[in-house]
C-alpha cells in the first residue's frame, strides 16, 4: 500500500537500488511472516524462516510491516500471539541480508525501518503475547519486548547480546527492556552477564509464565488459552482499555524507541562497517 512506499522513501530506497549491483530477491531472499486471524479475535503471527532459525531476511522485514498494517485494520481483533516456526523463536536478522547492505547508512536505514515497524506493533489496539520457544536472540529478543506479555516454554532462552557475533541491540528494544525489568536487571541482561533461561526470566519479571509443554502445537494451545482469559470482552472494550491504560506510556515509549540516542549508539558502534 501507499504507507509502505512512503515509509521506504523515508528510510531511503537504497534497499531497492539495483545500481548497487543486486536485485531485491537475490539480496533479501527467504522466509515469510504469516498471519492467521481467527474467529475468536486472536491473531497468530508466525516468523517463518526455519533454515535460518527464523532470522529476519529483508523480505520478512517488509512483510512484518504489511502484517502490522493488516492488524491495525482488523476491527474484530482482540489479541495477537507472536511465535516462530519449527520450535524456535527468532535469531535476529539474517547477517547475510545485513552484510549485503555495505554502508552503515543502509544498515541504519534498516534499523530505523524495524524500529518504526516495532513502534507501530507496540501501539496496536490488541493485547500482544510473545510465545518464546527455543531461542530468542539479538533482534529476536528485542521483538519480545515489543509485546505486552511474554511466555516461555521450559527449555527456551532469551539473549539480547551475542558477543561473538558482535550483535548489539539496534531495533530499539533496550528502552522497553528497562520498562519491563528495571534498569539494574536490564544492565545485567544487556552486558551479557545474565542468561535468561525460563526460570531466571520468570524470577526477574521478564516473562509472565513458563508453559507446561515444549511441544510446538501444545504450547501454542496453552498460549492461546492464556491470552483468551485476557480478551474475553468485546473488541471495543479491549481497545478502550488499552487506549486509556497504555496510551501515555506507549506515546512516551514511541518517542524513545527510535530516539536519537539509540541511533547514535548504533552509528557509533559501526556495526555495519564490516
Protein backbone atom coordinates (compact mmCIF):
# COMPACT_ATOMS: atom_id res chain seq x y z
CA UNK A 1 0.00 0.00 0.00
CA UNK A 2 0.92 3.67 -0.13
CA UNK A 3 2.06 3.63 3.50
CA UNK A 4 4.77 1.11 2.71
CA UNK A 5 6.08 3.14 -0.21
CA UNK A 6 6.05 6.29 1.86
CA UNK A 7 7.94 4.63 4.68
CA UNK A 8 10.50 3.15 2.32
CA UNK A 9 11.05 6.60 0.89
CA UNK A 10 11.66 7.89 4.41
CA UNK A 11 14.25 5.26 5.24
CA UNK A 12 15.93 5.52 1.85
CA UNK A 13 15.21 3.46 -1.21
CA UNK A 14 18.82 2.33 -1.35
CA UNK A 15 17.49 -1.04 -0.21
CA UNK A 16 15.97 -1.39 -3.65
CA UNK A 17 18.56 0.42 -5.68
CA UNK A 18 19.71 -2.00 -8.35
CA UNK A 19 22.68 0.21 -9.15
CA UNK A 20 24.22 -1.41 -6.08
CA UNK A 21 24.51 -4.40 -8.33
CA UNK A 22 21.84 -6.50 -6.72
CA UNK A 23 18.15 -7.18 -7.02
CA UNK A 24 15.83 -7.33 -4.06
CA UNK A 25 15.04 -11.03 -4.43
CA UNK A 26 18.68 -12.11 -4.59
CA UNK A 27 19.68 -9.70 -1.86
CA UNK A 28 16.95 -10.37 0.66
CA UNK A 29 15.80 -13.90 -0.01
CA UNK A 30 13.95 -16.31 2.13
CA UNK A 31 11.32 -16.60 4.75
CA UNK A 32 7.92 -15.08 5.32
CA UNK A 33 5.77 -13.58 8.05
CA UNK A 34 2.48 -15.47 8.25
CA UNK A 35 -0.66 -14.12 9.87
CA UNK A 36 -3.67 -16.24 10.79
CA UNK A 37 -6.68 -14.26 12.02
CA UNK A 38 -9.01 -16.50 13.99
CA UNK A 39 -12.75 -16.06 14.53
CA UNK A 40 -12.24 -15.66 18.28
CA UNK A 41 -10.33 -12.41 17.67
CA UNK A 42 -6.87 -13.86 18.30
CA UNK A 43 -4.26 -13.50 15.59
CA UNK A 44 -1.22 -15.75 15.24
CA UNK A 45 1.83 -14.09 13.72
CA UNK A 46 4.49 -16.61 12.73
CA UNK A 47 8.11 -15.80 11.85
CA UNK A 48 8.80 -18.40 9.23
CA UNK A 49 12.40 -18.90 8.13
CA UNK A 50 13.33 -22.14 9.90
CA UNK A 51 16.53 -22.90 7.95
CA UNK A 52 17.95 -19.67 9.44
CA UNK A 53 16.40 -20.17 12.91
CA UNK A 54 13.71 -17.66 11.86
CA UNK A 55 16.18 -14.81 11.39
CA UNK A 56 14.68 -11.81 9.57
CA UNK A 57 15.52 -11.54 5.90
CA UNK A 58 14.83 -8.21 4.17
CA UNK A 59 11.62 -9.62 2.69
CA UNK A 60 10.46 -10.58 6.19
CA UNK A 61 11.13 -7.06 7.46
CA UNK A 62 8.85 -5.69 4.75
CA UNK A 63 6.22 -8.35 5.37
CA UNK A 64 6.23 -7.63 9.11
CA UNK A 65 5.18 -4.06 8.37
CA UNK A 66 2.48 -5.28 5.98
CA UNK A 67 1.09 -7.61 8.67
CA UNK A 68 1.19 -4.86 11.31
CA UNK A 69 -0.86 -2.66 8.96
CA UNK A 70 -3.27 -5.57 8.48
CA UNK A 71 -3.59 -5.94 12.26
CA UNK A 72 -4.17 -2.18 12.64
CA UNK A 73 -7.17 -2.57 10.36
CA UNK A 74 -8.56 -5.75 11.96
CA UNK A 75 -11.59 -4.36 13.78
CA UNK A 76 -12.62 -7.75 15.20
CA UNK A 77 -9.12 -8.34 16.58
CA UNK A 78 -8.53 -8.58 20.33
CA UNK A 79 -5.14 -10.19 20.74
CA UNK A 80 -2.11 -11.47 18.86
CA UNK A 81 0.47 -14.19 19.58
CA UNK A 82 3.94 -13.80 18.07
CA UNK A 83 5.83 -17.05 17.57
CA UNK A 84 8.48 -18.70 15.44
CA UNK A 85 8.12 -21.69 13.13
CA UNK A 86 9.58 -25.12 13.98
CA UNK A 87 10.00 -24.77 17.73
CA UNK A 88 12.33 -21.77 17.90
CA UNK A 89 11.52 -18.06 18.18
CA UNK A 90 13.92 -15.84 16.20
CA UNK A 91 17.65 -15.31 15.89
CA UNK A 92 17.61 -11.62 14.95
CA UNK A 93 18.41 -10.51 11.44
CA UNK A 94 19.97 -12.69 8.80
CA UNK A 95 23.53 -11.39 8.79
CA UNK A 96 23.85 -12.10 5.06
CA UNK A 97 20.98 -9.72 4.39
CA UNK A 98 22.71 -7.09 6.50
CA UNK A 99 26.23 -7.61 5.12
CA UNK A 100 25.00 -7.10 1.59
CA UNK A 101 23.94 -3.60 2.52
CA UNK A 102 27.54 -2.46 2.63
CA UNK A 103 27.36 1.01 4.07
CA UNK A 104 26.42 1.94 7.61
CA UNK A 105 23.77 4.33 6.22
CA UNK A 106 21.94 1.38 4.72
CA UNK A 107 22.31 -0.55 7.94
CA UNK A 108 20.98 2.42 9.85
CA UNK A 109 18.05 2.75 7.44
CA UNK A 110 17.20 -0.89 8.11
CA UNK A 111 17.37 -0.34 11.89
CA UNK A 112 15.10 2.68 11.58
CA UNK A 113 12.70 0.71 9.42
CA UNK A 114 12.48 -2.04 12.06
CA UNK A 115 12.19 0.49 14.90
CA UNK A 116 9.31 2.17 13.10
CA UNK A 117 7.54 -1.16 12.50
CA UNK A 118 8.01 -2.33 16.09
CA UNK A 119 6.73 1.01 17.41
CA UNK A 120 3.58 0.55 15.33
CA UNK A 121 3.28 -3.02 16.58
CA UNK A 122 3.63 -1.84 20.18
CA UNK A 123 0.79 0.65 19.64
CA UNK A 124 -1.66 -1.86 18.18
CA UNK A 125 -5.03 -1.82 19.97
CA UNK A 126 -4.58 -5.56 20.61
CA UNK A 127 -3.11 -7.44 23.55
CA UNK A 128 0.11 -9.00 22.31
CA UNK A 129 1.98 -12.02 23.66
CA UNK A 130 5.36 -13.37 22.58
CA UNK A 131 5.48 -17.16 22.74
CA UNK A 132 9.18 -17.95 23.16
CA UNK A 133 10.28 -21.45 22.24
CA UNK A 134 13.88 -22.39 21.60
CA UNK A 135 15.91 -19.22 21.38
CA UNK A 136 15.16 -15.52 21.03
CA UNK A 137 18.49 -13.92 20.13
CA UNK A 138 19.52 -10.35 19.34
CA UNK A 139 16.69 -8.71 17.41
CA UNK A 140 14.54 -11.72 18.30
CA UNK A 141 14.94 -10.82 21.97
CA UNK A 142 14.10 -7.19 21.16
CA UNK A 143 10.97 -8.31 19.35
CA UNK A 144 9.69 -9.96 22.55
CA UNK A 145 9.87 -6.56 24.29
CA UNK A 146 7.53 -5.05 21.68
CA UNK A 147 4.81 -7.36 23.04
CA UNK A 148 2.67 -6.60 26.10
CA UNK A 149 3.47 -10.02 27.61
CA UNK A 150 5.96 -12.85 27.18
CA UNK A 151 5.50 -16.59 27.78
CA UNK A 152 8.33 -19.13 27.59
CA UNK A 153 8.47 -22.88 27.16
CA UNK A 154 10.59 -24.69 29.80
CA UNK A 155 13.73 -25.19 27.68
CA UNK A 156 13.79 -21.81 25.96
CA UNK A 157 16.13 -18.84 26.39
CA UNK A 158 16.24 -15.11 25.64
CA UNK A 159 19.55 -13.44 24.78
CA UNK A 160 19.93 -9.80 23.79
CA UNK A 161 23.65 -9.79 23.24
CA UNK A 162 25.75 -12.19 21.30
CA UNK A 163 29.33 -11.04 21.90
CA UNK A 164 30.97 -13.47 19.50
CA UNK A 165 28.83 -12.27 16.62
CA UNK A 166 29.10 -8.61 17.57
CA UNK A 167 25.34 -8.27 17.81
CA UNK A 168 24.17 -5.23 19.71
CA UNK A 169 20.56 -4.21 20.33
CA UNK A 170 19.66 -1.93 17.44
CA UNK A 171 15.91 -2.23 16.95
CA UNK A 172 15.05 -0.08 19.94
CA UNK A 173 14.23 -2.84 22.41
CA UNK A 174 16.57 -1.67 25.17
CA UNK A 175 14.36 1.21 26.35
CA UNK A 176 11.44 -1.12 26.56
CA UNK A 177 13.52 -3.73 28.41
CA UNK A 178 14.23 -1.16 31.15
CA UNK A 179 10.47 -0.52 31.40
CA UNK A 180 9.82 -4.24 31.82
CA UNK A 181 12.52 -5.34 34.29
CA UNK A 182 14.09 -2.13 35.63
CA UNK A 183 17.48 -0.59 34.94
CA UNK A 184 19.65 -2.76 37.20
CA UNK A 185 18.43 -6.04 35.77
CA UNK A 186 18.46 -4.60 32.24
CA UNK A 187 22.10 -3.66 32.67
CA UNK A 188 22.95 -7.23 33.67
CA UNK A 189 21.00 -8.66 30.78
CA UNK A 190 22.49 -6.27 28.19
CA UNK A 191 26.04 -6.75 29.43
CA UNK A 192 25.56 -10.42 28.67
CA UNK A 193 26.20 -11.32 32.31
CA UNK A 194 22.69 -12.66 32.78
CA UNK A 195 21.49 -15.50 30.60
CA UNK A 196 17.70 -15.63 30.62
CA UNK A 197 16.55 -19.21 30.78
CA UNK A 198 12.87 -19.62 31.55
CA UNK A 199 13.31 -19.81 35.32
CA UNK A 200 15.53 -16.73 35.55
CA UNK A 201 13.27 -14.78 33.19
CA UNK A 202 10.28 -15.60 35.37
CA UNK A 203 12.16 -14.58 38.53
CA UNK A 204 13.08 -11.12 37.27
CA UNK A 205 9.64 -10.46 35.76
CA UNK A 206 10.71 -10.67 32.12
CA UNK A 207 8.01 -13.27 31.45
CA UNK A 208 4.55 -13.82 32.88
CA UNK A 209 4.62 -17.56 32.91
CA UNK A 210 6.53 -20.66 31.94
CA UNK A 211 4.29 -23.00 29.98
CA UNK A 212 3.96 -26.72 30.75
CA UNK A 213 4.79 -28.03 27.30
CA UNK A 214 7.74 -27.58 24.94
CA UNK A 215 5.78 -29.17 22.11
CA UNK A 216 5.02 -26.74 19.27
CA UNK A 217 1.30 -27.47 18.98
CA UNK A 218 0.60 -27.86 22.69
CA UNK A 219 2.49 -24.73 23.76
CA UNK A 220 0.61 -22.69 21.15
CA UNK A 221 -2.67 -24.03 22.57
CA UNK A 222 -1.51 -23.08 26.09
CA UNK A 223 -0.58 -19.59 24.93
CA UNK A 224 -3.98 -19.15 23.29
CA UNK A 225 -5.75 -20.24 26.47
CA UNK A 226 -3.61 -17.81 28.49
CA UNK A 227 -4.43 -14.92 26.14
CA UNK A 228 -8.10 -15.92 25.90
CA UNK A 229 -8.57 -15.09 29.60
CA UNK A 230 -7.44 -11.52 28.91
CA UNK A 231 -9.58 -10.92 25.86
CA UNK A 232 -12.99 -12.19 26.94
CA UNK A 233 -14.77 -8.88 26.43
CA UNK A 234 -15.82 -7.41 23.07
CA UNK A 235 -13.04 -5.80 20.97
CA UNK A 236 -14.36 -2.27 21.62
CA UNK A 237 -13.90 -2.72 25.38
CA UNK A 238 -10.35 -4.01 24.96
CA UNK A 239 -9.46 -1.14 22.64
CA UNK A 240 -10.85 1.36 25.10
CA UNK A 241 -8.97 -0.21 27.99
CA UNK A 242 -5.72 -0.33 26.04
CA UNK A 243 -6.11 3.25 24.89
CA UNK A 244 -6.72 4.57 28.39
CA UNK A 245 -4.25 2.43 30.28
CA UNK A 246 -1.40 2.37 27.85
CA UNK A 247 -1.64 5.37 25.57
CA UNK A 248 0.55 7.67 27.62
CA UNK A 249 3.13 5.01 28.26
CA UNK A 250 3.16 3.97 24.63
CA UNK A 251 3.46 7.55 23.38
CA UNK A 252 6.44 8.04 25.65
CA UNK A 253 7.97 4.77 24.53
CA UNK A 254 7.26 5.57 20.91
CA UNK A 255 9.26 8.76 21.28
CA UNK A 256 12.13 6.92 22.95
CA UNK A 257 12.03 3.73 20.91
CA UNK A 258 13.57 5.21 17.78
CA UNK A 259 15.05 8.26 19.52
CA UNK A 260 18.34 9.86 18.55
CA UNK A 261 20.24 8.27 21.43
CA UNK A 262 19.54 4.80 20.11
CA UNK A 263 20.53 5.64 16.57
CA UNK A 264 23.66 7.46 17.70
CA UNK A 265 24.71 4.43 19.70
CA UNK A 266 24.19 2.18 16.70
CA UNK A 267 26.11 4.55 14.44
CA UNK A 268 28.97 4.78 16.96
CA UNK A 269 29.35 1.04 17.20
CA UNK A 270 29.76 0.99 13.44
CA UNK A 271 28.15 -2.40 13.49
CA UNK A 272 27.68 -2.41 9.74
CA UNK A 273 31.16 -1.24 8.74
CA UNK A 274 32.41 -4.71 8.05
